Amino acid sequence: MRVLQVQNEVFLPVVLEQLKEHPEKTATINLRGRSMRPFLEDGRDKAMLQLPNGPWHVGEPVLAEITPGHFVLHRIVKIDQGKVTLRGDGNLSDEHCTEADIRARAVAFIRKGRTKPDYITGRKWRIYSWLWTRLFPIRRYLLFAMYPHVPGFLKKRNKQ
């Protein structure tokens, strides 16, 4: 099978337009990037997206366009008078947008090659979310233990 990869700034607006035409449907997209590690992996997992309906909630994973053409799928960590703070589960820093910049909510994830989605309303996802979001202060150490690497500046120095 041949696979065609399209950049997010081209692909996601088309997906969102299709969702607007069929608001009762969900769209399943392959995930790219490492910002939602350790439980969602680049190229392996998929997200099921749905158009926004109803209020946003802290802890909810959303697709937001934080700058024109730059989309992120991150969890809401704070909402304050229309301003939203987002953080990927594998990130240590925050990103910011407005509620109007949120384009879709993730309603489920398909992980590890399975066919059955893990819905964010399900027990498994809620327990994981509760635990992982409370580990934020020590998350950097957990992520480093799971994904050890040599910082880029050390790699350059060793080559000299």
N, C-alpha and C. Protein backbone atom coordinates (compact mmCIF):
# COMPACT_ATOMS: atom_id res chain seq x y z
N MET A 1 0.83 -1.17 0.00
CA MET A 1 0.00 0.00 0.00
C MET A 1 0.89 1.24 0.00
N ARG A 2 0.51 2.21 -0.79
CA ARG A 2 1.25 3.47 -0.89
C ARG A 2 0.62 4.48 0.06
N VAL A 3 1.46 5.22 0.78
CA VAL A 3 0.97 6.19 1.75
C VAL A 3 1.38 7.58 1.29
N LEU A 4 0.45 8.49 1.33
CA LEU A 4 0.72 9.88 0.98
C LEU A 4 0.60 10.72 2.25
N GLN A 5 1.65 11.45 2.57
CA GLN A 5 1.61 12.34 3.73
C GLN A 5 1.41 13.77 3.26
N VAL A 6 0.46 14.44 3.89
CA VAL A 6 0.13 15.82 3.56
C VAL A 6 0.37 16.65 4.81
N GLN A 7 0.93 17.83 4.64
CA GLN A 7 1.20 18.69 5.78
C GLN A 7 -0.10 19.07 6.48
N ASN A 8 -0.03 19.21 7.80
CA ASN A 8 -1.21 19.52 8.61
C ASN A 8 -1.92 20.79 8.16
N GLU A 9 -1.17 21.83 7.79
CA GLU A 9 -1.81 23.08 7.41
C GLU A 9 -2.63 22.96 6.13
N VAL A 10 -2.39 21.91 5.35
CA VAL A 10 -3.18 21.63 4.15
C VAL A 10 -4.29 20.62 4.48
N PHE A 11 -3.94 19.58 5.19
CA PHE A 11 -4.85 18.46 5.44
C PHE A 11 -5.97 18.80 6.44
N LEU A 12 -5.60 19.38 7.57
CA LEU A 12 -6.60 19.58 8.63
C LEU A 12 -7.73 20.53 8.26
N PRO A 13 -7.49 21.63 7.53
CA PRO A 13 -8.63 22.45 7.11
C PRO A 13 -9.63 21.67 6.24
N VAL A 14 -9.13 20.74 5.43
CA VAL A 14 -10.03 19.92 4.61
C VAL A 14 -10.86 18.99 5.51
N VAL A 15 -10.21 18.38 6.50
CA VAL A 15 -10.92 17.51 7.45
C VAL A 15 -11.98 18.31 8.18
N LEU A 16 -11.63 19.50 8.65
CA LEU A 16 -12.58 20.33 9.40
C LEU A 16 -13.74 20.78 8.53
N GLU A 17 -13.47 21.06 7.27
CA GLU A 17 -14.55 21.44 6.34
C GLU A 17 -15.51 20.26 6.14
N GLN A 18 -14.98 19.05 6.03
CA GLN A 18 -15.83 17.87 5.90
C GLN A 18 -16.68 17.67 7.16
N LEU A 19 -16.10 17.92 8.32
CA LEU A 19 -16.87 17.81 9.56
C LEU A 19 -17.99 18.86 9.61
N LYS A 20 -17.72 20.06 9.09
CA LYS A 20 -18.76 21.09 9.06
C LYS A 20 -19.92 20.67 8.16
N GLU A 21 -19.60 19.99 7.08
CA GLU A 21 -20.64 19.51 6.16
C GLU A 21 -21.42 18.34 6.75
N HIS A 22 -20.80 17.60 7.67
CA HIS A 22 -21.43 16.42 8.29
C HIS A 22 -21.20 16.47 9.80
N PRO A 23 -21.84 17.42 10.51
CA PRO A 23 -21.55 17.62 11.93
C PRO A 23 -21.88 16.43 12.83
N GLU A 24 -22.68 15.51 12.35
CA GLU A 24 -23.02 14.33 13.16
C GLU A 24 -21.93 13.26 13.10
N LYS A 25 -20.95 13.44 12.23
CA LYS A 25 -19.89 12.44 12.02
C LYS A 25 -18.64 12.77 12.82
N THR A 26 -17.73 11.79 12.87
CA THR A 26 -16.39 12.02 13.41
C THR A 26 -15.39 11.79 12.28
N ALA A 27 -14.23 12.38 12.44
CA ALA A 27 -13.13 12.17 11.49
C ALA A 27 -11.99 11.52 12.26
N THR A 28 -11.40 10.50 11.68
CA THR A 28 -10.27 9.82 12.31
C THR A 28 -9.00 10.20 11.55
N ILE A 29 -8.04 10.73 12.31
CA ILE A 29 -6.78 11.16 11.69
C ILE A 29 -5.60 10.46 12.36
N ASN A 30 -4.56 10.22 11.59
CA ASN A 30 -3.31 9.70 12.14
C ASN A 30 -2.62 10.80 12.92
N LEU A 31 -2.03 10.43 14.03
CA LEU A 31 -1.34 11.42 14.86
C LEU A 31 0.11 11.56 14.42
N ARG A 32 0.57 12.81 14.44
CA ARG A 32 1.95 13.13 14.10
C ARG A 32 2.53 13.93 15.26
N GLY A 33 3.77 13.67 15.60
CA GLY A 33 4.43 14.41 16.66
C GLY A 33 4.50 13.62 17.95
N ARG A 34 5.26 14.16 18.89
CA ARG A 34 5.49 13.46 20.16
C ARG A 34 4.91 14.19 21.36
N SER A 35 4.10 15.20 21.13
CA SER A 35 3.65 16.03 22.24
C SER A 35 2.65 15.35 23.16
N MET A 36 2.07 14.25 22.75
CA MET A 36 1.09 13.58 23.61
C MET A 36 1.63 12.26 24.16
N ARG A 37 2.95 12.10 24.14
CA ARG A 37 3.56 10.93 24.76
C ARG A 37 3.28 10.94 26.24
N PRO A 38 3.25 9.85 26.89
CA PRO A 38 3.70 8.53 26.51
C PRO A 38 2.59 7.63 25.96
N PHE A 39 1.35 8.08 25.99
CA PHE A 39 0.27 7.17 25.63
C PHE A 39 -0.20 7.29 24.19
N LEU A 40 0.12 8.39 23.54
CA LEU A 40 -0.20 8.54 22.12
C LEU A 40 1.10 8.73 21.38
N GLU A 41 1.34 7.89 20.37
CA GLU A 41 2.63 7.89 19.67
C GLU A 41 2.50 8.34 18.22
N ASP A 42 3.52 9.02 17.78
CA ASP A 42 3.65 9.50 16.41
C ASP A 42 3.55 8.36 15.41
N GLY A 43 2.63 8.49 14.46
CA GLY A 43 2.50 7.51 13.40
C GLY A 43 1.82 6.21 13.78
N ARG A 44 1.68 5.92 15.05
CA ARG A 44 1.07 4.67 15.49
C ARG A 44 -0.41 4.83 15.80
N ASP A 45 -0.75 5.93 16.44
CA ASP A 45 -2.10 6.10 16.97
C ASP A 45 -2.94 7.07 16.14
N LYS A 46 -4.23 7.05 16.40
CA LYS A 46 -5.19 7.89 15.68
C LYS A 46 -6.11 8.59 16.66
N ALA A 47 -6.61 9.75 16.24
CA ALA A 47 -7.57 10.50 17.04
C ALA A 47 -8.88 10.60 16.28
N MET A 48 -9.97 10.44 17.00
CA MET A 48 -11.30 10.65 16.44
C MET A 48 -11.76 12.04 16.85
N LEU A 49 -11.98 12.89 15.85
CA LEU A 49 -12.34 14.29 16.10
C LEU A 49 -13.81 14.53 15.80
N GLN A 50 -14.36 15.49 16.52
CA GLN A 50 -15.75 15.90 16.33
C GLN A 50 -15.80 17.41 16.45
N LEU A 51 -16.72 18.03 15.73
CA LEU A 51 -16.86 19.48 15.85
C LEU A 51 -17.24 19.85 17.27
N PRO A 52 -16.83 21.04 17.70
CA PRO A 52 -17.17 21.48 19.05
C PRO A 52 -18.68 21.59 19.24
N ASN A 53 -19.13 21.10 20.37
CA ASN A 53 -20.53 21.29 20.75
C ASN A 53 -20.56 21.39 22.27
N GLY A 54 -21.00 22.51 22.74
CA GLY A 54 -21.06 22.69 24.18
C GLY A 54 -19.79 23.31 24.73
N PRO A 55 -19.74 23.50 26.03
CA PRO A 55 -18.61 24.18 26.65
C PRO A 55 -17.36 23.30 26.70
N TRP A 56 -16.21 23.96 26.81
CA TRP A 56 -14.93 23.27 26.95
C TRP A 56 -14.70 22.93 28.41
N HIS A 57 -13.88 21.91 28.64
CA HIS A 57 -13.58 21.49 30.00
C HIS A 57 -12.08 21.30 30.17
N VAL A 58 -11.57 21.69 31.33
CA VAL A 58 -10.17 21.44 31.65
C VAL A 58 -9.94 19.94 31.61
N GLY A 59 -8.86 19.53 31.00
CA GLY A 59 -8.52 18.11 30.87
C GLY A 59 -8.93 17.52 29.54
N GLU A 60 -9.74 18.22 28.79
CA GLU A 60 -10.25 17.72 27.51
C GLU A 60 -9.20 17.88 26.40
N PRO A 61 -8.97 16.84 25.59
CA PRO A 61 -8.05 16.97 24.46
C PRO A 61 -8.76 17.62 23.27
N VAL A 62 -8.12 18.65 22.71
CA VAL A 62 -8.74 19.40 21.62
C VAL A 62 -7.73 19.65 20.50
N LEU A 63 -8.25 19.88 19.31
CA LEU A 63 -7.44 20.30 18.18
C LEU A 63 -7.60 21.81 18.08
N ALA A 64 -6.49 22.54 18.24
CA ALA A 64 -6.54 24.00 18.20
C ALA A 64 -5.56 24.51 17.16
N GLU A 65 -5.92 25.62 16.54
CA GLU A 65 -5.05 26.30 15.60
C GLU A 65 -4.42 27.47 16.36
N ILE A 66 -3.23 27.25 16.91
CA ILE A 66 -2.64 28.24 17.81
C ILE A 66 -2.06 29.44 17.07
N THR A 67 -1.65 29.25 15.84
CA THR A 67 -1.30 30.34 14.91
C THR A 67 -1.82 29.89 13.55
N PRO A 68 -2.01 30.80 12.61
CA PRO A 68 -2.56 30.38 11.32
C PRO A 68 -1.78 29.22 10.69
N GLY A 69 -2.48 28.11 10.46
CA GLY A 69 -1.88 26.94 9.84
C GLY A 69 -1.10 26.03 10.78
N HIS A 70 -0.97 26.39 12.05
CA HIS A 70 -0.23 25.58 13.03
C HIS A 70 -1.22 24.98 14.02
N PHE A 71 -1.48 23.69 13.84
CA PHE A 71 -2.45 22.97 14.67
C PHE A 71 -1.75 22.13 15.71
N VAL A 72 -2.36 22.01 16.88
CA VAL A 72 -1.87 21.11 17.93
C VAL A 72 -3.06 20.34 18.49
N LEU A 73 -2.80 19.11 18.87
CA LEU A 73 -3.78 18.30 19.59
C LEU A 73 -3.24 18.15 21.00
N HIS A 74 -3.77 18.98 21.91
CA HIS A 74 -3.29 19.01 23.29
C HIS A 74 -4.47 19.04 24.24
N ARG A 75 -4.14 18.91 25.49
CA ARG A 75 -5.14 18.90 26.55
C ARG A 75 -5.31 20.34 27.09
N ILE A 76 -6.55 20.71 27.38
CA ILE A 76 -6.82 22.00 28.01
C ILE A 76 -6.39 21.92 29.47
N VAL A 77 -5.53 22.86 29.89
CA VAL A 77 -5.10 22.87 31.29
C VAL A 77 -5.69 24.06 32.05
N LYS A 78 -6.18 25.07 31.31
CA LYS A 78 -6.76 26.23 31.98
C LYS A 78 -7.63 27.00 31.00
N ILE A 79 -8.76 27.51 31.50
CA ILE A 79 -9.63 28.38 30.72
C ILE A 79 -9.89 29.61 31.59
N ASP A 80 -9.59 30.78 31.04
CA ASP A 80 -9.79 32.01 31.81
C ASP A 80 -10.32 33.10 30.88
N GLN A 81 -11.61 33.38 31.00
CA GLN A 81 -12.27 34.43 30.22
C GLN A 81 -11.99 34.32 28.72
N GLY A 82 -12.19 33.14 28.17
CA GLY A 82 -12.03 32.92 26.74
C GLY A 82 -10.60 32.61 26.30
N LYS A 83 -9.65 32.76 27.20
CA LYS A 83 -8.26 32.42 26.89
C LYS A 83 -8.00 31.01 27.39
N VAL A 84 -7.37 30.20 26.54
CA VAL A 84 -7.17 28.78 26.83
C VAL A 84 -5.68 28.47 26.88
N THR A 85 -5.28 27.74 27.90
CA THR A 85 -3.91 27.25 28.01
C THR A 85 -3.93 25.76 27.69
N LEU A 86 -3.07 25.35 26.79
CA LEU A 86 -3.00 23.96 26.34
C LEU A 86 -1.63 23.39 26.69
N ARG A 87 -1.59 22.08 26.91
CA ARG A 87 -0.31 21.40 27.12
C ARG A 87 -0.43 19.97 26.61
N GLY A 88 0.53 19.57 25.80
CA GLY A 88 0.59 18.18 25.38
C GLY A 88 1.05 17.32 26.55
N ASP A 89 0.58 16.10 26.62
CA ASP A 89 0.95 15.23 27.73
C ASP A 89 2.45 14.99 27.80
N GLY A 90 3.14 15.07 26.67
CA GLY A 90 4.58 14.87 26.65
C GLY A 90 5.35 16.17 26.68
N ASN A 91 4.66 17.29 26.84
CA ASN A 91 5.31 18.60 26.85
C ASN A 91 5.45 19.12 28.27
N LEU A 92 6.44 19.96 28.45
CA LEU A 92 6.64 20.62 29.74
C LEU A 92 6.22 22.08 29.69
N SER A 93 6.06 22.62 28.49
CA SER A 93 5.65 24.01 28.34
C SER A 93 4.22 24.10 27.81
N ASP A 94 3.64 25.28 27.99
CA ASP A 94 2.25 25.51 27.59
C ASP A 94 2.19 26.23 26.25
N GLU A 95 1.01 26.13 25.63
CA GLU A 95 0.70 26.91 24.44
C GLU A 95 -0.63 27.58 24.72
N HIS A 96 -0.87 28.68 24.02
CA HIS A 96 -2.05 29.48 24.33
C HIS A 96 -2.86 29.76 23.07
N CYS A 97 -4.16 29.86 23.26
CA CYS A 97 -5.06 30.22 22.18
C CYS A 97 -6.33 30.79 22.82
N THR A 98 -7.30 31.08 22.00
CA THR A 98 -8.61 31.49 22.51
C THR A 98 -9.59 30.34 22.28
N GLU A 99 -10.73 30.43 22.91
CA GLU A 99 -11.74 29.39 22.69
C GLU A 99 -12.14 29.33 21.22
N ALA A 100 -12.12 30.46 20.53
CA ALA A 100 -12.47 30.50 19.11
C ALA A 100 -11.45 29.77 18.25
N ASP A 101 -10.23 29.60 18.74
CA ASP A 101 -9.18 28.91 17.98
C ASP A 101 -9.29 27.39 18.07
N ILE A 102 -10.13 26.90 18.96
CA ILE A 102 -10.31 25.45 19.07
C ILE A 102 -11.21 25.00 17.93
N ARG A 103 -10.71 24.08 17.14
CA ARG A 103 -11.42 23.66 15.93
C ARG A 103 -12.22 22.37 16.11
N ALA A 104 -11.77 21.49 16.99
CA ALA A 104 -12.46 20.21 17.18
C ALA A 104 -12.08 19.66 18.54
N ARG A 105 -12.91 18.74 19.02
CA ARG A 105 -12.55 18.03 20.26
C ARG A 105 -12.27 16.59 19.89
N ALA A 106 -11.30 16.03 20.59
CA ALA A 106 -11.00 14.61 20.40
C ALA A 106 -11.96 13.83 21.29
N VAL A 107 -12.71 12.94 20.69
CA VAL A 107 -13.69 12.16 21.46
C VAL A 107 -13.17 10.77 21.78
N ALA A 108 -12.14 10.33 21.05
CA ALA A 108 -11.59 8.99 21.28
C ALA A 108 -10.23 8.89 20.59
N PHE A 109 -9.49 7.86 21.01
CA PHE A 109 -8.19 7.57 20.41
C PHE A 109 -8.13 6.08 20.10
N ILE A 110 -7.51 5.76 18.97
CA ILE A 110 -7.29 4.36 18.59
C ILE A 110 -5.79 4.14 18.73
N ARG A 111 -5.43 3.26 19.65
CA ARG A 111 -4.03 3.11 20.03
C ARG A 111 -3.49 1.72 19.73
N LYS A 112 -2.19 1.68 19.49
CA LYS A 112 -1.43 0.43 19.38
C LYS A 112 -2.00 -0.55 18.35
N GLY A 113 -2.52 -0.05 17.24
CA GLY A 113 -3.01 -0.91 16.19
C GLY A 113 -4.35 -1.58 16.46
N ARG A 114 -4.96 -1.23 17.55
CA ARG A 114 -6.27 -1.81 17.87
C ARG A 114 -7.35 -1.25 16.95
N THR A 115 -8.49 -1.87 16.96
CA THR A 115 -9.61 -1.35 16.18
C THR A 115 -10.65 -0.69 17.07
N LYS A 116 -10.66 -1.03 18.34
CA LYS A 116 -11.63 -0.47 19.28
C LYS A 116 -11.09 0.84 19.86
N PRO A 117 -11.85 1.93 19.72
CA PRO A 117 -11.36 3.21 20.26
C PRO A 117 -11.47 3.28 21.78
N ASP A 118 -10.56 4.06 22.37
CA ASP A 118 -10.63 4.42 23.78
C ASP A 118 -11.31 5.78 23.85
N TYR A 119 -12.56 5.81 24.29
CA TYR A 119 -13.30 7.07 24.38
C TYR A 119 -12.86 7.86 25.60
N ILE A 120 -12.82 9.18 25.47
CA ILE A 120 -12.36 10.00 26.59
C ILE A 120 -13.35 9.99 27.74
N THR A 121 -14.55 9.50 27.49
CA THR A 121 -15.53 9.37 28.57
C THR A 121 -15.40 8.04 29.29
N GLY A 122 -14.56 7.15 28.77
CA GLY A 122 -14.38 5.82 29.35
C GLY A 122 -13.52 5.85 30.60
N ARG A 123 -13.68 4.83 31.38
CA ARG A 123 -12.98 4.72 32.66
C ARG A 123 -11.46 4.75 32.49
N LYS A 124 -10.95 3.99 31.52
CA LYS A 124 -9.51 3.90 31.29
C LYS A 124 -8.91 5.28 31.01
N TRP A 125 -9.51 6.03 30.08
CA TRP A 125 -9.00 7.35 29.73
C TRP A 125 -9.11 8.32 30.90
N ARG A 126 -10.21 8.27 31.63
CA ARG A 126 -10.38 9.19 32.77
C ARG A 126 -9.36 8.92 33.87
N ILE A 127 -9.08 7.65 34.15
CA ILE A 127 -8.08 7.32 35.18
C ILE A 127 -6.70 7.78 34.73
N TYR A 128 -6.35 7.45 33.50
CA TYR A 128 -5.06 7.89 32.96
C TYR A 128 -4.94 9.41 33.04
N SER A 129 -5.97 10.13 32.60
CA SER A 129 -5.94 11.59 32.58
C SER A 129 -5.79 12.16 33.98
N TRP A 130 -6.54 11.63 34.90
CA TRP A 130 -6.47 12.12 36.28
C TRP A 130 -5.05 11.95 36.83
N LEU A 131 -4.49 10.77 36.63
CA LEU A 131 -3.17 10.47 37.16
C LEU A 131 -2.08 11.30 36.46
N TRP A 132 -2.05 11.26 35.14
CA TRP A 132 -0.96 11.90 34.40
C TRP A 132 -0.95 13.41 34.58
N THR A 133 -2.12 14.04 34.62
CA THR A 133 -2.13 15.50 34.77
C THR A 133 -1.66 15.92 36.17
N ARG A 134 -1.84 15.08 37.15
CA ARG A 134 -1.38 15.41 38.49
C ARG A 134 0.12 15.15 38.69
N LEU A 135 0.72 14.45 37.76
CA LEU A 135 2.16 14.18 37.82
C LEU A 135 2.99 15.27 37.14
N PHE A 136 2.36 16.36 36.75
CA PHE A 136 3.07 17.38 35.98
C PHE A 136 4.40 17.80 36.59
N PRO A 137 4.49 18.07 37.88
CA PRO A 137 5.79 18.53 38.39
C PRO A 137 6.93 17.53 38.21
N ILE A 138 6.63 16.25 38.22
CA ILE A 138 7.71 15.25 38.07
C ILE A 138 7.69 14.56 36.71
N ARG A 139 6.81 15.01 35.83
CA ARG A 139 6.65 14.38 34.53
C ARG A 139 7.93 14.42 33.70
N ARG A 140 8.70 15.50 33.81
CA ARG A 140 9.93 15.60 33.01
C ARG A 140 10.86 14.43 33.29
N TYR A 141 10.92 13.99 34.54
CA TYR A 141 11.81 12.88 34.91
C TYR A 141 11.25 11.55 34.40
N LEU A 142 9.94 11.40 34.47
CA LEU A 142 9.31 10.18 33.95
C LEU A 142 9.50 10.09 32.44
N LEU A 143 9.30 11.19 31.74
CA LEU A 143 9.47 11.19 30.29
C LEU A 143 10.92 10.91 29.91
N PHE A 144 11.87 11.48 30.65
CA PHE A 144 13.28 11.23 30.35
C PHE A 144 13.62 9.76 30.58
N ALA A 145 13.06 9.17 31.63
CA ALA A 145 13.33 7.75 31.91
C ALA A 145 12.75 6.87 30.81
N MET A 146 11.58 7.25 30.27
CA MET A 146 10.94 6.45 29.23
C MET A 146 11.57 6.66 27.86
N TYR A 147 12.07 7.88 27.60
CA TYR A 147 12.63 8.23 26.30
C TYR A 147 13.99 8.90 26.50
N PRO A 148 15.00 8.15 26.96
CA PRO A 148 16.30 8.77 27.19
C PRO A 148 16.91 9.26 25.88
N HIS A 149 17.62 10.33 25.98
CA HIS A 149 18.28 10.89 24.81
C HIS A 149 19.47 11.74 25.26
N VAL A 150 20.32 12.01 24.31
CA VAL A 150 21.45 12.89 24.57
C VAL A 150 21.07 14.26 24.01
N PRO A 151 21.12 15.31 24.82
CA PRO A 151 20.77 16.65 24.31
C PRO A 151 21.60 17.01 23.09
N GLY A 152 21.01 17.77 22.19
CA GLY A 152 21.65 18.14 20.94
C GLY A 152 22.99 18.81 21.11
N PHE A 153 23.15 19.68 22.12
CA PHE A 153 24.42 20.39 22.27
C PHE A 153 25.54 19.44 22.65
N LEU A 154 25.24 18.31 23.32
CA LEU A 154 26.27 17.33 23.65
C LEU A 154 26.68 16.53 22.41
N LYS A 155 25.72 16.23 21.54
CA LYS A 155 26.03 15.49 20.32
C LYS A 155 27.00 16.29 19.45
N LYS A 156 26.77 17.60 19.34
CA LYS A 156 27.64 18.44 18.51
C LYS A 156 29.05 18.51 19.09
N ARG A 157 29.14 18.61 20.41
CA ARG A 157 30.46 18.70 21.06
C ARG A 157 31.24 17.41 20.88
N ASN A 158 30.58 16.27 20.92
CA ASN A 158 31.26 14.98 20.79
C ASN A 158 31.82 14.78 19.38
N LYS A 159 31.23 15.41 18.38
CA LYS A 159 31.69 15.23 17.00
C LYS A 159 32.97 16.00 16.72
N GLN A 160 33.30 16.98 17.54
CA GLN A 160 34.49 17.81 17.31
C GLN A 160 35.76 17.12 17.68
